[in-house]
Amino acid sequence: MSAALLGSDGIARCAWGNTAPDYAAYHDTEWGVPLHGEAALFERLSLEAFQSGLSWLTILRKREAFRRAFAGFDPDRVAEFGPADVERLLGDAGIVRNRAKILATITNARAIAELDVPLDELLWSFAPDPESRVRPATMADVPAVTPESTAMARALKKRGFAFVGPTTCYALMQATGMVDDHVEGCFRAV
């Protein structure tokens, strides 16, 4: 086992999970765990979009504020947000105040309402067969984009979603357990 995998707490995890306590908690309890449910998946999709160009640690530390600001990521409620809500969100120092990302979150909530299949079913339809995947030896072996994430991004954009490129979609797949990218030697690697 690589020394980089061993945390100060003696637990072997993906090296990034050892860089901050918030990362360790997220790595150990959420990242790569299969996630279902419309609000939960909408939250992760939204947070992955907000993370674009920023540190995931920033997003993790603002997560509760995001939940308050976006009505618990209830897509029906967020779909009703109007110009006053956008201004409220732009003034909320607890979240990332990026107009394009805020508007994309509202757009995506509205797109969810127009889906012909449940969001859960749509997103999980792009999950690759776990038997066809090779566990990465190191994080350098983990791709940023895959054919599945590219197909997911294309399908979401076709349905009116915004801020859902292939890299964001792959991060979503990792975060929600559609793929398991825990490296060899990590205690979560099964």
Protein backbone atom coordinates (compact mmCIF):
# COMPACT_ATOMS: atom_id res chain seq x y z
CA MET A 1 0.00 0.00 0.00
CA SER A 2 1.23 3.47 -0.87
CA ALA A 3 2.11 5.72 2.05
CA ALA A 4 -0.02 8.42 0.38
CA LEU A 5 -3.11 6.34 1.11
CA LEU A 6 -2.55 6.15 4.85
CA GLY A 7 -4.25 8.98 6.71
CA SER A 8 -3.06 10.47 9.98
CA ASP A 9 -5.88 8.45 11.58
CA GLY A 10 -4.33 5.21 10.28
CA ILE A 11 -7.09 4.63 7.71
CA ALA A 12 -6.08 3.83 4.13
CA ARG A 13 -8.17 5.90 1.73
CA CYS A 14 -7.82 7.59 -1.64
CA ALA A 15 -5.05 10.17 -1.13
CA TRP A 16 -7.35 13.19 -1.66
CA GLY A 17 -9.47 11.95 1.25
CA ASN A 18 -6.54 12.51 3.60
CA THR A 19 -6.03 16.18 2.78
CA ALA A 20 -8.72 17.67 5.06
CA PRO A 21 -11.16 16.35 7.68
CA ASP A 22 -14.11 17.43 5.49
CA TYR A 23 -12.70 15.42 2.60
CA ALA A 24 -12.16 12.37 4.83
CA ALA A 25 -15.76 12.44 6.03
CA TYR A 26 -17.10 12.87 2.49
CA HIS A 27 -14.81 10.16 1.11
CA ASP A 28 -15.63 7.71 3.88
CA THR A 29 -19.41 8.11 3.91
CA GLU A 30 -20.64 9.47 0.56
CA TRP A 31 -18.28 9.41 -2.41
CA GLY A 32 -19.00 6.34 -4.51
CA VAL A 33 -22.04 5.28 -2.48
CA PRO A 34 -25.07 4.58 -4.70
CA LEU A 35 -27.50 7.48 -4.38
CA HIS A 36 -31.10 7.57 -5.54
CA GLY A 37 -34.00 9.99 -5.25
CA GLU A 38 -34.92 13.09 -7.17
CA ALA A 39 -33.97 15.74 -4.58
CA ALA A 40 -30.73 13.97 -3.63
CA LEU A 41 -29.65 13.62 -7.26
CA PHE A 42 -30.70 17.19 -8.08
CA GLU A 43 -28.58 18.38 -5.15
CA ARG A 44 -25.51 16.48 -6.33
CA LEU A 45 -26.01 17.61 -9.94
CA SER A 46 -26.30 21.21 -8.74
CA LEU A 47 -23.31 21.04 -6.41
CA GLU A 48 -21.13 19.46 -9.10
CA ALA A 49 -22.05 22.33 -11.43
CA PHE A 50 -21.25 24.90 -8.73
CA GLN A 51 -17.91 23.16 -8.14
CA SER A 52 -16.81 23.66 -11.73
CA GLY A 53 -13.59 25.68 -11.58
CA LEU A 54 -13.48 25.61 -7.78
CA SER A 55 -12.30 23.31 -5.04
CA TRP A 56 -14.76 20.61 -3.97
CA LEU A 57 -13.78 21.50 -0.40
CA THR A 58 -15.30 24.96 -0.93
CA ILE A 59 -18.58 23.37 -1.99
CA LEU A 60 -18.59 20.87 0.89
CA ARG A 61 -18.11 23.65 3.40
CA LYS A 62 -20.98 25.64 1.89
CA ARG A 63 -23.30 22.66 1.46
CA GLU A 64 -25.73 23.49 4.27
CA ALA A 65 -26.02 27.08 3.03
CA PHE A 66 -26.71 25.75 -0.48
CA ARG A 67 -29.46 23.53 0.93
CA ARG A 68 -31.08 26.48 2.71
CA ALA A 69 -30.72 28.78 -0.31
CA PHE A 70 -32.16 26.24 -2.77
CA ALA A 71 -35.13 25.00 -0.71
CA GLY A 72 -33.50 21.69 0.20
CA PHE A 73 -32.98 21.08 -3.53
CA ASP A 74 -36.65 20.32 -3.99
CA PRO A 75 -36.78 20.68 -7.79
CA ASP A 76 -40.47 21.68 -7.79
CA ARG A 77 -39.77 24.59 -5.45
CA VAL A 78 -36.57 25.66 -7.23
CA ALA A 79 -38.39 25.56 -10.58
CA GLU A 80 -40.63 28.34 -9.24
CA PHE A 81 -37.71 30.67 -8.44
CA GLY A 82 -37.92 33.98 -10.23
CA PRO A 83 -35.83 37.15 -10.61
CA ALA A 84 -36.19 38.11 -6.92
CA ASP A 85 -34.83 34.69 -5.92
CA VAL A 86 -31.89 35.09 -8.28
CA GLU A 87 -31.07 38.44 -6.65
CA ARG A 88 -31.46 36.88 -3.19
CA LEU A 89 -29.07 34.10 -4.16
CA LEU A 90 -26.55 36.53 -5.64
CA GLY A 91 -26.52 38.30 -2.28
CA ASP A 92 -26.09 35.12 -0.20
CA ALA A 93 -22.46 34.98 0.97
CA GLY A 94 -23.03 31.43 2.20
CA ILE A 95 -23.08 30.03 -1.34
CA VAL A 96 -21.07 30.48 -4.52
CA ARG A 97 -22.55 33.65 -6.03
CA ASN A 98 -22.19 32.93 -9.72
CA ARG A 99 -25.12 34.10 -11.82
CA ALA A 100 -24.61 31.50 -14.57
CA LYS A 101 -24.53 28.64 -12.05
CA ILE A 102 -27.53 29.94 -10.14
CA LEU A 103 -29.52 30.29 -13.35
CA ALA A 104 -28.40 26.81 -14.44
CA THR A 105 -29.70 25.33 -11.17
CA ILE A 106 -33.11 26.93 -11.73
CA THR A 107 -33.08 25.86 -15.38
CA ASN A 108 -32.24 22.30 -14.35
CA ALA A 109 -35.08 22.21 -11.83
CA ARG A 110 -37.47 23.24 -14.59
CA ALA A 111 -35.97 20.62 -16.92
CA ILE A 112 -36.59 17.94 -14.30
CA ALA A 113 -40.28 18.87 -14.30
CA GLU A 114 -40.39 18.28 -18.06
CA LEU A 115 -38.69 14.87 -18.06
CA ASP A 116 -40.53 11.93 -19.60
CA VAL A 117 -38.79 9.55 -17.16
CA PRO A 118 -37.81 10.02 -13.50
CA LEU A 119 -34.47 11.81 -13.02
CA ASP A 120 -33.18 8.79 -11.11
CA GLU A 121 -33.93 6.46 -14.02
CA LEU A 122 -32.45 8.84 -16.59
CA LEU A 123 -29.16 9.43 -14.77
CA TRP A 124 -28.63 5.81 -13.73
CA SER A 125 -29.24 4.63 -17.29
CA PHE A 126 -25.72 5.89 -18.05
CA ALA A 127 -23.99 3.94 -15.29
CA PRO A 128 -21.49 1.54 -16.83
CA ASP A 129 -21.52 -2.15 -16.03
CA PRO A 130 -19.40 -2.40 -12.87
CA GLU A 131 -18.03 -5.73 -14.07
CA SER A 132 -16.51 -4.03 -17.12
CA ARG A 133 -14.50 -1.54 -15.05
CA VAL A 134 -10.99 -2.00 -13.71
CA ARG A 135 -10.29 -0.54 -10.28
CA PRO A 136 -7.82 2.34 -10.60
CA ALA A 137 -4.41 1.73 -9.06
CA THR A 138 -3.90 5.46 -8.39
CA MET A 139 -5.91 8.63 -8.88
CA ALA A 140 -3.83 9.22 -12.03
CA ASP A 141 -5.71 6.24 -13.49
CA VAL A 142 -9.10 7.87 -12.92
CA PRO A 143 -10.50 9.55 -16.04
CA ALA A 144 -12.10 13.00 -16.04
CA VAL A 145 -14.45 12.06 -18.88
CA THR A 146 -15.80 8.76 -20.17
CA PRO A 147 -18.04 7.77 -23.08
CA GLU A 148 -20.85 7.32 -20.54
CA SER A 149 -20.41 10.79 -19.03
CA THR A 150 -20.28 12.28 -22.52
CA ALA A 151 -23.51 10.50 -23.42
CA MET A 152 -25.13 11.65 -20.16
CA ALA A 153 -24.13 15.27 -20.82
CA ARG A 154 -25.50 15.10 -24.34
CA ALA A 155 -28.80 13.60 -23.15
CA LEU A 156 -29.21 16.17 -20.38
CA LYS A 157 -28.45 19.11 -22.67
CA LYS A 158 -30.95 17.75 -25.20
CA ARG A 159 -33.55 17.82 -22.40
CA GLY A 160 -32.81 21.46 -21.52
CA PHE A 161 -30.27 21.07 -18.70
CA ALA A 162 -27.42 23.57 -18.34
CA PHE A 163 -23.89 23.41 -16.90
CA VAL A 164 -23.75 19.65 -17.43
CA GLY A 165 -20.63 18.95 -19.47
CA PRO A 166 -18.96 15.54 -19.63
CA THR A 167 -16.53 16.34 -16.78
CA THR A 168 -19.32 17.52 -14.48
CA CYS A 169 -21.34 14.45 -15.39
CA TYR A 170 -18.42 12.15 -14.61
CA ALA A 171 -17.93 13.84 -11.22
CA LEU A 172 -21.65 13.28 -10.63
CA MET A 173 -21.26 9.61 -11.56
CA GLN A 174 -18.42 9.25 -9.05
CA ALA A 175 -20.24 11.15 -6.30
CA THR A 176 -23.43 9.11 -6.63
CA GLY A 177 -21.88 5.67 -6.94
CA MET A 178 -22.64 5.16 -10.62
CA VAL A 179 -18.93 4.43 -10.85
CA ASP A 180 -16.57 3.33 -8.08
CA ASP A 181 -13.22 5.04 -8.45
CA HIS A 182 -11.82 4.21 -5.02
CA VAL A 183 -8.22 3.23 -5.68
CA GLU A 184 -6.57 -0.06 -4.85
CA GLY A 185 -5.61 -0.09 -1.18
CA CYS A 186 -8.39 2.28 -0.12
CA PHE A 187 -10.54 0.78 2.63
CA ARG A 188 -13.64 1.60 0.53
CA ALA A 189 -12.38 -0.39 -2.47
CA VAL A 190 -14.36 -3.62 -2.59
